[in-house]
Amino acid sequence: MATKLKTKLKSAVLATALLGLPIVATAQIGFGVTIAPPVPRYEPVPPPRAGWVWAPGYWNWVNGQYAWRQGYWLQARPGYRWVGGAWEPRGSRWYWAPGHWVR
């Protein structure tokens, strides 16, 4: 009886651990695009807003083609600055480096 309970407990622990795997794995996956992104569109930067940072627009890869993502406001983080995302060439492919906060 104790052996069956241990086996079930081990199975439950393993199943719970495996459920988190796809989430972690998908966060690490990147893909390259063989088509260079278009020139960024001109967007006028709105006047500054206290406590907010403007994130400029960028070309996003959606359903096999580029789609423009308009700029947007991010809540400021004291002691940090926002570095916008950018497409980076590596060999014959382009990879998206997402925007991030830097201390």
PDB file of N, CA and C in Angstrom:
ATOM      1  N   MET A   1       0.828  -1.197   0.000  1.00  0.00           N
ATOM      2  CA  MET A   1       0.000   0.000   0.000  1.00  0.00           C
ATOM      3  C   MET A   1       0.873   1.262   0.000  1.00  0.00           C
ATOM      4  N   ALA A   2       1.903   1.267   0.829  1.00  0.00           N
ATOM      5  CA  ALA A   2       2.790   2.420   0.915  1.00  0.00           C
ATOM      6  C   ALA A   2       3.534   2.619  -0.406  1.00  0.00           C
ATOM      7  N   THR A   3       3.871   1.516  -1.077  1.00  0.00           N
ATOM      8  CA  THR A   3       4.584   1.610  -2.346  1.00  0.00           C
ATOM      9  C   THR A   3       3.708   2.264  -3.405  1.00  0.00           C
ATOM     10  N   LYS A   4       2.411   1.907  -3.450  1.00  0.00           N
ATOM     11  CA  LYS A   4       1.490   2.519  -4.419  1.00  0.00           C
ATOM     12  C   LYS A   4       1.365   4.016  -4.154  1.00  0.00           C
ATOM     13  N   LEU A   5       1.288   4.389  -2.886  1.00  0.00           N
ATOM     14  CA  LEU A   5       1.160   5.799  -2.526  1.00  0.00           C
ATOM     15  C   LEU A   5       2.416   6.571  -2.938  1.00  0.00           C
ATOM     16  N   LYS A   6       3.597   5.989  -2.702  1.00  0.00           N
ATOM     17  CA  LYS A   6       4.852   6.640  -3.105  1.00  0.00           C
ATOM     18  C   LYS A   6       4.916   6.798  -4.617  1.00  0.00           C
ATOM     19  N   THR A   7       4.493   5.764  -5.352  1.00  0.00           N
ATOM     20  CA  THR A   7       4.504   5.816  -6.815  1.00  0.00           C
ATOM     21  C   THR A   7       3.576   6.911  -7.317  1.00  0.00           C
ATOM     22  N   LYS A   8       2.380   6.983  -6.726  1.00  0.00           N
ATOM     23  CA  LYS A   8       1.425   8.025  -7.131  1.00  0.00           C
ATOM     24  C   LYS A   8       1.955   9.417  -6.803  1.00  0.00           C
ATOM     25  N   LEU A   9       2.584   9.533  -5.634  1.00  0.00           N
ATOM     26  CA  LEU A   9       3.135  10.820  -5.229  1.00  0.00           C
ATOM     27  C   LEU A   9       4.263  11.241  -6.178  1.00  0.00           C
ATOM     28  N   LYS A  10       5.154  10.308  -6.514  1.00  0.00           N
ATOM     29  CA  LYS A  10       6.236  10.601  -7.451  1.00  0.00           C
ATOM     30  C   LYS A  10       5.677  11.011  -8.811  1.00  0.00           C
ATOM     31  N   SER A  11       4.642  10.306  -9.264  1.00  0.00           N
ATOM     32  CA  SER A  11       4.015  10.630 -10.555  1.00  0.00           C
ATOM     33  C   SER A  11       3.408  12.023 -10.528  1.00  0.00           C
ATOM     34  N   ALA A  12       2.759  12.368  -9.422  1.00  0.00           N
ATOM     35  CA  ALA A  12       2.133  13.688  -9.296  1.00  0.00           C
ATOM     36  C   ALA A  12       3.188  14.791  -9.306  1.00  0.00           C
ATOM     37  N   VAL A  13       4.292  14.561  -8.595  1.00  0.00           N
ATOM     38  CA  VAL A  13       5.366  15.555  -8.558  1.00  0.00           C
ATOM     39  C   VAL A  13       5.980  15.723  -9.950  1.00  0.00           C
ATOM     40  N   LEU A  14       6.236  14.621 -10.625  1.00  0.00           N
ATOM     41  CA  LEU A  14       6.805  14.670 -11.974  1.00  0.00           C
ATOM     42  C   LEU A  14       5.865  15.384 -12.937  1.00  0.00           C
ATOM     43  N   ALA A  15       4.579  15.053 -12.880  1.00  0.00           N
ATOM     44  CA  ALA A  15       3.593  15.693 -13.764  1.00  0.00           C
ATOM     45  C   ALA A  15       3.535  17.194 -13.511  1.00  0.00           C
ATOM     46  N   THR A  16       3.569  17.587 -12.241  1.00  0.00           N
ATOM     47  CA  THR A  16       3.533  19.012 -11.902  1.00  0.00           C
ATOM     48  C   THR A  16       4.775  19.721 -12.444  1.00  0.00           C
ATOM     49  N   ALA A  17       5.929  19.092 -12.301  1.00  0.00           N
ATOM     50  CA  ALA A  17       7.168  19.689 -12.812  1.00  0.00           C
ATOM     51  C   ALA A  17       7.131  19.815 -14.329  1.00  0.00           C
ATOM     52  N   LEU A  18       6.626  18.800 -15.003  1.00  0.00           N
ATOM     53  CA  LEU A  18       6.578  18.822 -16.462  1.00  0.00           C
ATOM     54  C   LEU A  18       5.595  19.854 -16.999  1.00  0.00           C
ATOM     55  N   LEU A  19       4.557  20.171 -16.237  1.00  0.00           N
ATOM     56  CA  LEU A  19       3.590  21.176 -16.683  1.00  0.00           C
ATOM     57  C   LEU A  19       4.252  22.535 -16.869  1.00  0.00           C
ATOM     58  N   GLY A  20       5.237  22.857 -16.056  1.00  0.00           N
ATOM     59  CA  GLY A  20       5.927  24.137 -16.172  1.00  0.00           C
ATOM     60  C   GLY A  20       6.946  24.183 -17.288  1.00  0.00           C
ATOM     61  N   LEU A  21       7.364  23.043 -17.797  1.00  0.00           N
ATOM     62  CA  LEU A  21       8.395  23.000 -18.828  1.00  0.00           C
ATOM     63  C   LEU A  21       8.055  23.750 -20.107  1.00  0.00           C
ATOM     64  N   PRO A  22       6.888  23.553 -20.698  1.00  0.00           N
ATOM     65  CA  PRO A  22       6.607  24.272 -21.949  1.00  0.00           C
ATOM     66  C   PRO A  22       6.658  25.785 -21.798  1.00  0.00           C
ATOM     67  N   ILE A  23       6.257  26.300 -20.657  1.00  0.00           N
ATOM     68  CA  ILE A  23       6.265  27.744 -20.443  1.00  0.00           C
ATOM     69  C   ILE A  23       7.705  28.248 -20.429  1.00  0.00           C
ATOM     70  N   VAL A  24       8.569  27.564 -19.714  1.00  0.00           N
ATOM     71  CA  VAL A  24       9.968  27.965 -19.649  1.00  0.00           C
ATOM     72  C   VAL A  24      10.619  27.823 -21.026  1.00  0.00           C
ATOM     73  N   ALA A  25      10.350  26.734 -21.713  1.00  0.00           N
ATOM     74  CA  ALA A  25      10.968  26.486 -23.019  1.00  0.00           C
ATOM     75  C   ALA A  25      10.558  27.538 -24.038  1.00  0.00           C
ATOM     76  N   THR A  26       9.292  27.908 -24.084  1.00  0.00           N
ATOM     77  CA  THR A  26       8.850  28.878 -25.081  1.00  0.00           C
ATOM     78  C   THR A  26       9.443  30.257 -24.819  1.00  0.00           C
ATOM     79  N   ALA A  27       9.771  30.563 -23.569  1.00  0.00           N
ATOM     80  CA  ALA A  27      10.363  31.865 -23.276  1.00  0.00           C
ATOM     81  C   ALA A  27      11.780  31.957 -23.837  1.00  0.00           C
ATOM     82  N   GLN A  28      12.427  30.837 -24.089  1.00  0.00           N
ATOM     83  CA  GLN A  28      13.800  30.825 -24.539  1.00  0.00           C
ATOM     84  C   GLN A  28      13.933  30.677 -26.058  1.00  0.00           C
ATOM     85  N   ILE A  29      12.856  30.402 -26.742  1.00  0.00           N
ATOM     86  CA  ILE A  29      12.935  30.128 -28.175  1.00  0.00           C
ATOM     87  C   ILE A  29      12.896  31.426 -28.971  1.00  0.00           C
ATOM     88  N   GLY A  30      13.779  31.540 -29.946  1.00  0.00           N
ATOM     89  CA  GLY A  30      13.778  32.669 -30.855  1.00  0.00           C
ATOM     90  C   GLY A  30      13.780  32.137 -32.275  1.00  0.00           C
ATOM     91  N   PHE A  31      13.482  32.982 -33.216  1.00  0.00           N
ATOM     92  CA  PHE A  31      13.507  32.539 -34.606  1.00  0.00           C
ATOM     93  C   PHE A  31      14.036  33.680 -35.459  1.00  0.00           C
ATOM     94  N   GLY A  32      14.633  33.301 -36.549  1.00  0.00           N
ATOM     95  CA  GLY A  32      15.180  34.290 -37.462  1.00  0.00           C
ATOM     96  C   GLY A  32      14.287  34.468 -38.674  1.00  0.00           C
ATOM     97  N   VAL A  33      14.287  35.680 -39.184  1.00  0.00           N
ATOM     98  CA  VAL A  33      13.499  36.023 -40.364  1.00  0.00           C
ATOM     99  C   VAL A  33      14.486  36.315 -41.488  1.00  0.00           C
ATOM    100  N   THR A  34      14.217  35.798 -42.667  1.00  0.00           N
ATOM    101  CA  THR A  34      15.143  36.006 -43.789  1.00  0.00           C
ATOM    102  C   THR A  34      14.920  37.326 -44.515  1.00  0.00           C
ATOM    103  N   ILE A  35      13.836  38.017 -44.215  1.00  0.00           N
ATOM    104  CA  ILE A  35      13.507  39.290 -44.868  1.00  0.00           C
ATOM    105  C   ILE A  35      13.876  40.431 -43.919  1.00  0.00           C
ATOM    106  N   ALA A  36      14.690  41.364 -44.394  1.00  0.00           N
ATOM    107  CA  ALA A  36      15.075  42.512 -43.572  1.00  0.00           C
ATOM    108  C   ALA A  36      13.842  43.351 -43.241  1.00  0.00           C
ATOM    109  N   PRO A  37      13.801  43.936 -42.042  1.00  0.00           N
ATOM    110  CA  PRO A  37      12.648  44.772 -41.695  1.00  0.00           C
ATOM    111  C   PRO A  37      12.631  46.065 -42.517  1.00  0.00           C
ATOM    112  N   PRO A  38      11.446  46.604 -42.765  1.00  0.00           N
ATOM    113  CA  PRO A  38      11.368  47.892 -43.468  1.00  0.00           C
ATOM    114  C   PRO A  38      11.979  49.007 -42.614  1.00  0.00           C
ATOM    115  N   VAL A  39      12.205  50.138 -43.232  1.00  0.00           N
ATOM    116  CA  VAL A  39      12.694  51.312 -42.516  1.00  0.00           C
ATOM    117  C   VAL A  39      11.629  51.704 -41.490  1.00  0.00           C
ATOM    118  N   PRO A  40      12.022  52.030 -40.245  1.00  0.00           N
ATOM    119  CA  PRO A  40      11.018  52.427 -39.239  1.00  0.00           C
ATOM    120  C   PRO A  40      10.179  53.605 -39.721  1.00  0.00           C
ATOM    121  N   ARG A  41       8.931  53.590 -39.367  1.00  0.00           N
ATOM    122  CA  ARG A  41       8.037  54.702 -39.707  1.00  0.00           C
ATOM    123  C   ARG A  41       8.340  55.891 -38.804  1.00  0.00           C
ATOM    124  N   TYR A  42       8.090  57.077 -39.343  1.00  0.00           N
ATOM    125  CA  TYR A  42       8.233  58.274 -38.515  1.00  0.00           C
ATOM    126  C   TYR A  42       7.006  58.389 -37.628  1.00  0.00           C
ATOM    127  N   GLU A  43       7.229  58.522 -36.357  1.00  0.00           N
ATOM    128  CA  GLU A  43       6.155  58.794 -35.401  1.00  0.00           C
ATOM    129  C   GLU A  43       6.591  59.975 -34.551  1.00  0.00           C
ATOM    130  N   PRO A  44       5.802  61.024 -34.518  1.00  0.00           N
ATOM    131  CA  PRO A  44       6.184  62.135 -33.645  1.00  0.00           C
ATOM    132  C   PRO A  44       6.136  61.676 -32.189  1.00  0.00           C
ATOM    133  N   VAL A  45       7.157  62.025 -31.432  1.00  0.00           N
ATOM    134  CA  VAL A  45       7.192  61.658 -30.014  1.00  0.00           C
ATOM    135  C   VAL A  45       6.300  62.636 -29.262  1.00  0.00           C
ATOM    136  N   PRO A  46       5.332  62.124 -28.519  1.00  0.00           N
ATOM    137  CA  PRO A  46       4.451  63.026 -27.772  1.00  0.00           C
ATOM    138  C   PRO A  46       5.226  63.801 -26.702  1.00  0.00           C
ATOM    139  N   PRO A  47       4.663  64.901 -26.236  1.00  0.00           N
ATOM    140  CA  PRO A  47       5.317  65.654 -25.156  1.00  0.00           C
ATOM    141  C   PRO A  47       5.519  64.758 -23.929  1.00  0.00           C
ATOM    142  N   PRO A  48       6.584  65.000 -23.166  1.00  0.00           N
ATOM    143  CA  PRO A  48       6.861  64.171 -21.989  1.00  0.00           C
ATOM    144  C   PRO A  48       5.687  64.150 -21.002  1.00  0.00           C
ATOM    145  N   ARG A  49       5.556  63.025 -20.323  1.00  0.00           N
ATOM    146  CA  ARG A  49       4.551  62.868 -19.269  1.00  0.00           C
ATOM    147  C   ARG A  49       5.274  62.431 -18.008  1.00  0.00           C
ATOM    148  N   ALA A  50       5.042  63.119 -16.917  1.00  0.00           N
ATOM    149  CA  ALA A  50       5.698  62.793 -15.652  1.00  0.00           C
ATOM    150  C   ALA A  50       5.376  61.355 -15.255  1.00  0.00           C
ATOM    151  N   GLY A  51       6.417  60.585 -14.947  1.00  0.00           N
ATOM    152  CA  GLY A  51       6.221  59.210 -14.498  1.00  0.00           C
ATOM    153  C   GLY A  51       6.056  58.202 -15.621  1.00  0.00           C
ATOM    154  N   TRP A  52       6.245  58.633 -16.869  1.00  0.00           N
ATOM    155  CA  TRP A  52       6.068  57.739 -18.020  1.00  0.00           C
ATOM    156  C   TRP A  52       7.229  57.875 -18.988  1.00  0.00           C
ATOM    157  N   VAL A  53       7.489  56.819 -19.748  1.00  0.00           N
ATOM    158  CA  VAL A  53       8.554  56.786 -20.750  1.00  0.00           C
ATOM    159  C   VAL A  53       7.930  56.365 -22.077  1.00  0.00           C
ATOM    160  N   TRP A  54       8.305  57.033 -23.150  1.00  0.00           N
ATOM    161  CA  TRP A  54       7.782  56.701 -24.476  1.00  0.00           C
ATOM    162  C   TRP A  54       8.599  55.566 -25.096  1.00  0.00           C
ATOM    163  N   ALA A  55       7.933  54.482 -25.481  1.00  0.00           N
ATOM    164  CA  ALA A  55       8.571  53.373 -26.197  1.00  0.00           C
ATOM    165  C   ALA A  55       8.211  53.547 -27.671  1.00  0.00           C
ATOM    166  N   PRO A  56       9.191  53.817 -28.533  1.00  0.00           N
ATOM    167  CA  PRO A  56       8.881  54.060 -29.939  1.00  0.00           C
ATOM    168  C   PRO A  56       8.318  52.829 -30.649  1.00  0.00           C
ATOM    169  N   GLY A  57       7.623  53.078 -31.734  1.00  0.00           N
ATOM    170  CA  GLY A  57       7.055  51.994 -32.529  1.00  0.00           C
ATOM    171  C   GLY A  57       8.135  51.166 -33.205  1.00  0.00           C
ATOM    172  N   TYR A  58       7.738  49.987 -33.676  1.00  0.00           N
ATOM    173  CA  TYR A  58       8.694  49.084 -34.323  1.00  0.00           C
ATOM    174  C   TYR A  58       7.948  48.113 -35.235  1.00  0.00           C
ATOM    175  N   TRP A  59       8.707  47.478 -36.127  1.00  0.00           N
ATOM    176  CA  TRP A  59       8.137  46.456 -36.997  1.00  0.00           C
ATOM    177  C   TRP A  59       8.119  45.125 -36.244  1.00  0.00           C
ATOM    178  N   ASN A  60       6.960  44.531 -36.142  1.00  0.00           N
ATOM    179  CA  ASN A  60       6.757  43.252 -35.476  1.00  0.00           C
ATOM    180  C   ASN A  60       6.523  42.187 -36.550  1.00  0.00           C
ATOM    181  N   TRP A  61       6.990  40.963 -36.323  1.00  0.00           N
ATOM    182  CA  TRP A  61       6.779  39.876 -37.283  1.00  0.00           C
ATOM    183  C   TRP A  61       5.497  39.150 -36.897  1.00  0.00           C
ATOM    184  N   VAL A  62       4.465  39.229 -37.750  1.00  0.00           N
ATOM    185  CA  VAL A  62       3.158  38.639 -37.455  1.00  0.00           C
ATOM    186  C   VAL A  62       2.666  37.864 -38.670  1.00  0.00           C
ATOM    187  N   ASN A  63       2.362  36.596 -38.494  1.00  0.00           N
ATOM    188  CA  ASN A  63       1.819  35.758 -39.563  1.00  0.00           C
ATOM    189  C   ASN A  63       2.623  35.829 -40.870  1.00  0.00           C
ATOM    190  N   GLY A  64       3.933  35.771 -40.741  1.00  0.00           N
ATOM    191  CA  GLY A  64       4.775  35.719 -41.928  1.00  0.00           C
ATOM    192  C   GLY A  64       5.032  37.037 -42.622  1.00  0.00           C
ATOM    193  N   GLN A  65       4.740  38.145 -41.949  1.00  0.00           N
ATOM    194  CA  GLN A  65       5.033  39.453 -42.544  1.00  0.00           C
ATOM    195  C   GLN A  65       5.217  40.492 -41.445  1.00  0.00           C
ATOM    196  N   TYR A  66       5.807  41.619 -41.824  1.00  0.00           N
ATOM    197  CA  TYR A  66       6.009  42.690 -40.855  1.00  0.00           C
ATOM    198  C   TYR A  66       4.726  43.491 -40.687  1.00  0.00           C
ATOM    199  N   ALA A  67       4.455  43.864 -39.439  1.00  0.00           N
ATOM    200  CA  ALA A  67       3.307  44.714 -39.112  1.00  0.00           C
ATOM    201  C   ALA A  67       3.802  45.786 -38.150  1.00  0.00           C
ATOM    202  N   TRP A  68       3.409  47.019 -38.383  1.00  0.00           N
ATOM    203  CA  TRP A  68       3.867  48.115 -37.543  1.00  0.00           C
ATOM    204  C   TRP A  68       3.160  48.100 -36.199  1.00  0.00           C
ATOM    205  N   ARG A  69       3.950  48.190 -35.123  1.00  0.00           N
ATOM    206  CA  ARG A  69       3.427  48.304 -33.756  1.00  0.00           C
ATOM    207  C   ARG A  69       3.683  49.740 -33.336  1.00  0.00           C
ATOM    208  N   GLN A  70       2.616  50.504 -33.133  1.00  0.00           N
ATOM    209  CA  GLN A  70       2.761  51.916 -32.784  1.00  0.00           C
ATOM    210  C   GLN A  70       3.435  52.081 -31.430  1.00  0.00           C
ATOM    211  N   GLY A  71       4.075  53.247 -31.267  1.00  0.00           N
ATOM    212  CA  GLY A  71       4.711  53.569 -29.997  1.00  0.00           C
ATOM    213  C   GLY A  71       3.679  53.612 -28.874  1.00  0.00           C
ATOM    214  N   TYR A  72       4.159  53.497 -27.655  1.00  0.00           N
ATOM    215  CA  TYR A  72       3.261  53.452 -26.499  1.00  0.00           C
ATOM    216  C   TYR A  72       3.992  53.934 -25.248  1.00  0.00           C
ATOM    217  N   TRP A  73       3.224  54.284 -24.230  1.00  0.00           N
ATOM    218  CA  TRP A  73       3.776  54.757 -22.969  1.00  0.00           C
ATOM    219  C   TRP A  73       4.015  53.582 -22.026  1.00  0.00           C
ATOM    220  N   LEU A  74       5.145  53.635 -21.316  1.00  0.00           N
ATOM    221  CA  LEU A  74       5.460  52.671 -20.260  1.00  0.00           C
ATOM    222  C   LEU A  74       5.603  53.442 -18.959  1.00  0.00           C
ATOM    223  N   GLN A  75       5.132  52.852 -17.877  1.00  0.00           N
ATOM    224  CA  GLN A  75       5.316  53.502 -16.588  1.00  0.00           C
ATOM    225  C   GLN A  75       6.803  53.499 -16.246  1.00  0.00           C
ATOM    226  N   ALA A  76       7.328  54.676 -15.885  1.00  0.00           N
ATOM    227  CA  ALA A  76       8.756  54.810 -15.596  1.00  0.00           C
ATOM    228  C   ALA A  76       9.146  53.958 -14.394  1.00  0.00           C
ATOM    229  N   ARG A  77      10.394  53.512 -14.415  1.00  0.00           N
ATOM    230  CA  ARG A  77      10.967  52.765 -13.293  1.00  0.00           C
ATOM    231  C   ARG A  77      12.139  53.583 -12.758  1.00  0.00           C
ATOM    232  N   PRO A  78      12.010  54.128 -11.559  1.00  0.00           N
ATOM    233  CA  PRO A  78      13.091  54.951 -11.002  1.00  0.00           C
ATOM    234  C   PRO A  78      14.426  54.203 -11.009  1.00  0.00           C
ATOM    235  N   GLY A  79      15.477  54.870 -11.484  1.00  0.00           N
ATOM    236  CA  GLY A  79      16.802  54.271 -11.535  1.00  0.00           C
ATOM    237  C   GLY A  79      17.064  53.456 -12.787  1.00  0.00           C
ATOM    238  N   TYR A  80      16.089  53.385 -13.705  1.00  0.00           N
ATOM    239  CA  TYR A  80      16.236  52.609 -14.933  1.00  0.00           C
ATOM    240  C   TYR A  80      15.949  53.487 -16.140  1.00  0.00           C
ATOM    241  N   ARG A  81      16.478  53.063 -17.296  1.00  0.00           N
ATOM    242  CA  ARG A  81      16.113  53.718 -18.550  1.00  0.00           C
ATOM    243  C   ARG A  81      15.655  52.637 -19.525  1.00  0.00           C
ATOM    244  N   TRP A  82      14.761  52.998 -20.409  1.00  0.00           N
ATOM    245  CA  TRP A  82      14.206  52.063 -21.385  1.00  0.00           C
ATOM    246  C   TRP A  82      15.067  52.040 -22.638  1.00  0.00           C
ATOM    247  N   VAL A  83      15.437  50.840 -23.074  1.00  0.00           N
ATOM    248  CA  VAL A  83      16.147  50.657 -24.340  1.00  0.00           C
ATOM    249  C   VAL A  83      15.175  49.928 -25.259  1.00  0.00           C
ATOM    250  N   GLY A  84      14.790  50.583 -26.348  1.00  0.00           N
ATOM    251  CA  GLY A  84      13.812  50.000 -27.266  1.00  0.00           C
ATOM    252  C   GLY A  84      14.340  48.767 -27.978  1.00  0.00           C
ATOM    253  N   GLY A  85      13.432  47.924 -28.411  1.00  0.00           N
ATOM    254  CA  GLY A  85      13.792  46.723 -29.150  1.00  0.00           C
ATOM    255  C   GLY A  85      14.357  47.067 -30.526  1.00  0.00           C
ATOM    256  N   ALA A  86      15.038  46.092 -31.127  1.00  0.00           N
ATOM    257  CA  ALA A  86      15.638  46.324 -32.444  1.00  0.00           C
ATOM    258  C   ALA A  86      15.832  44.998 -33.164  1.00  0.00           C
ATOM    259  N   TRP A  87      15.742  45.054 -34.481  1.00  0.00           N
ATOM    260  CA  TRP A  87      16.056  43.887 -35.308  1.00  0.00           C
ATOM    261  C   TRP A  87      17.568  43.848 -35.501  1.00  0.00           C
ATOM    262  N   GLU A  88      18.166  42.665 -35.266  1.00  0.00           N
ATOM    263  CA  GLU A  88      19.616  42.506 -35.390  1.00  0.00           C
ATOM    264  C   GLU A  88      19.936  41.482 -36.466  1.00  0.00           C
ATOM    265  N   PRO A  89      20.812  41.843 -37.408  1.00  0.00           N
ATOM    266  CA  PRO A  89      21.200  40.854 -38.432  1.00  0.00           C
ATOM    267  C   PRO A  89      22.236  39.887 -37.865  1.00  0.00           C
ATOM    268  N   ARG A  90      22.039  38.601 -38.149  1.00  0.00           N
ATOM    269  CA  ARG A  90      23.020  37.562 -37.794  1.00  0.00           C
ATOM    270  C   ARG A  90      23.098  36.628 -38.985  1.00  0.00           C
ATOM    271  N   GLY A  91      24.187  36.739 -39.719  1.00  0.00           N
ATOM    272  CA  GLY A  91      24.314  35.952 -40.938  1.00  0.00           C
ATOM    273  C   GLY A  91      23.282  36.413 -41.951  1.00  0.00           C
ATOM    274  N   SER A  92      22.500  35.486 -42.463  1.00  0.00           N
ATOM    275  CA  SER A  92      21.485  35.833 -43.465  1.00  0.00           C
ATOM    276  C   SER A  92      20.102  36.011 -42.839  1.00  0.00           C
ATOM    277  N   ARG A  93      20.030  36.043 -41.511  1.00  0.00           N
ATOM    278  CA  ARG A  93      18.736  36.152 -40.832  1.00  0.00           C
ATOM    279  C   ARG A  93      18.689  37.395 -39.944  1.00  0.00           C
ATOM    280  N   TRP A  94      17.464  37.811 -39.624  1.00  0.00           N
ATOM    281  CA  TRP A  94      17.204  38.938 -38.728  1.00  0.00           C
ATOM    282  C   TRP A  94      16.512  38.412 -37.481  1.00  0.00           C
ATOM    283  N   TYR A  95      16.980  38.855 -36.321  1.00  0.00           N
ATOM    284  CA  TYR A  95      16.416  38.418 -35.040  1.00  0.00           C
ATOM    285  C   TYR A  95      15.965  39.639 -34.247  1.00  0.00           C
ATOM    286  N   TRP A  96      14.834  39.502 -33.568  1.00  0.00           N
ATOM    287  CA  TRP A  96      14.288  40.586 -32.765  1.00  0.00           C
ATOM    288  C   TRP A  96      14.886  40.534 -31.362  1.00  0.00           C
ATOM    289  N   ALA A  97      15.459  41.648 -30.919  1.00  0.00           N
ATOM    290  CA  ALA A  97      15.947  41.807 -29.551  1.00  0.00           C
ATOM    291  C   ALA A  97      14.938  42.710 -28.850  1.00  0.00           C
ATOM    292  N   PRO A  98      14.126  42.166 -27.946  1.00  0.00           N
ATOM    293  CA  PRO A  98      13.066  42.954 -27.322  1.00  0.00           C
ATOM    294  C   PRO A  98      13.595  44.127 -26.485  1.00  0.00           C
ATOM    295  N   GLY A  99      12.748  45.131 -26.346  1.00  0.00           N
ATOM    296  CA  GLY A  99      13.096  46.265 -25.483  1.00  0.00           C
ATOM    297  C   GLY A  99      13.234  45.804 -24.038  1.00  0.00           C
ATOM    298  N   HIS A 100      14.007  46.565 -23.266  1.00  0.00           N
ATOM    299  CA  HIS A 100      14.234  46.169 -21.875  1.00  0.00           C
ATOM    300  C   HIS A 100      14.686  47.371 -21.047  1.00  0.00           C
ATOM    301  N   TRP A 101      14.606  47.224 -19.748  1.00  0.00           N
ATOM    302  CA  TRP A 101      15.039  48.258 -18.815  1.00  0.00           C
ATOM    303  C   TRP A 101      16.506  48.024 -18.454  1.00  0.00           C
ATOM    304  N   VAL A 102      17.272  49.110 -18.359  1.00  0.00           N
ATOM    305  CA  VAL A 102      18.681  49.061 -17.971  1.00  0.00           C
ATOM    306  C   VAL A 102      18.880  49.967 -16.776  1.00  0.00           C
ATOM    307  N   ARG A 103      19.625  49.473 -15.801  1.00  0.00           N
ATOM    308  CA  ARG A 103      19.941  50.280 -14.615  1.00  0.00           C
ATOM    309  C   ARG A 103      20.921  51.379 -14.944  1.00  0.00           C
TER     310      ARG A 103
END
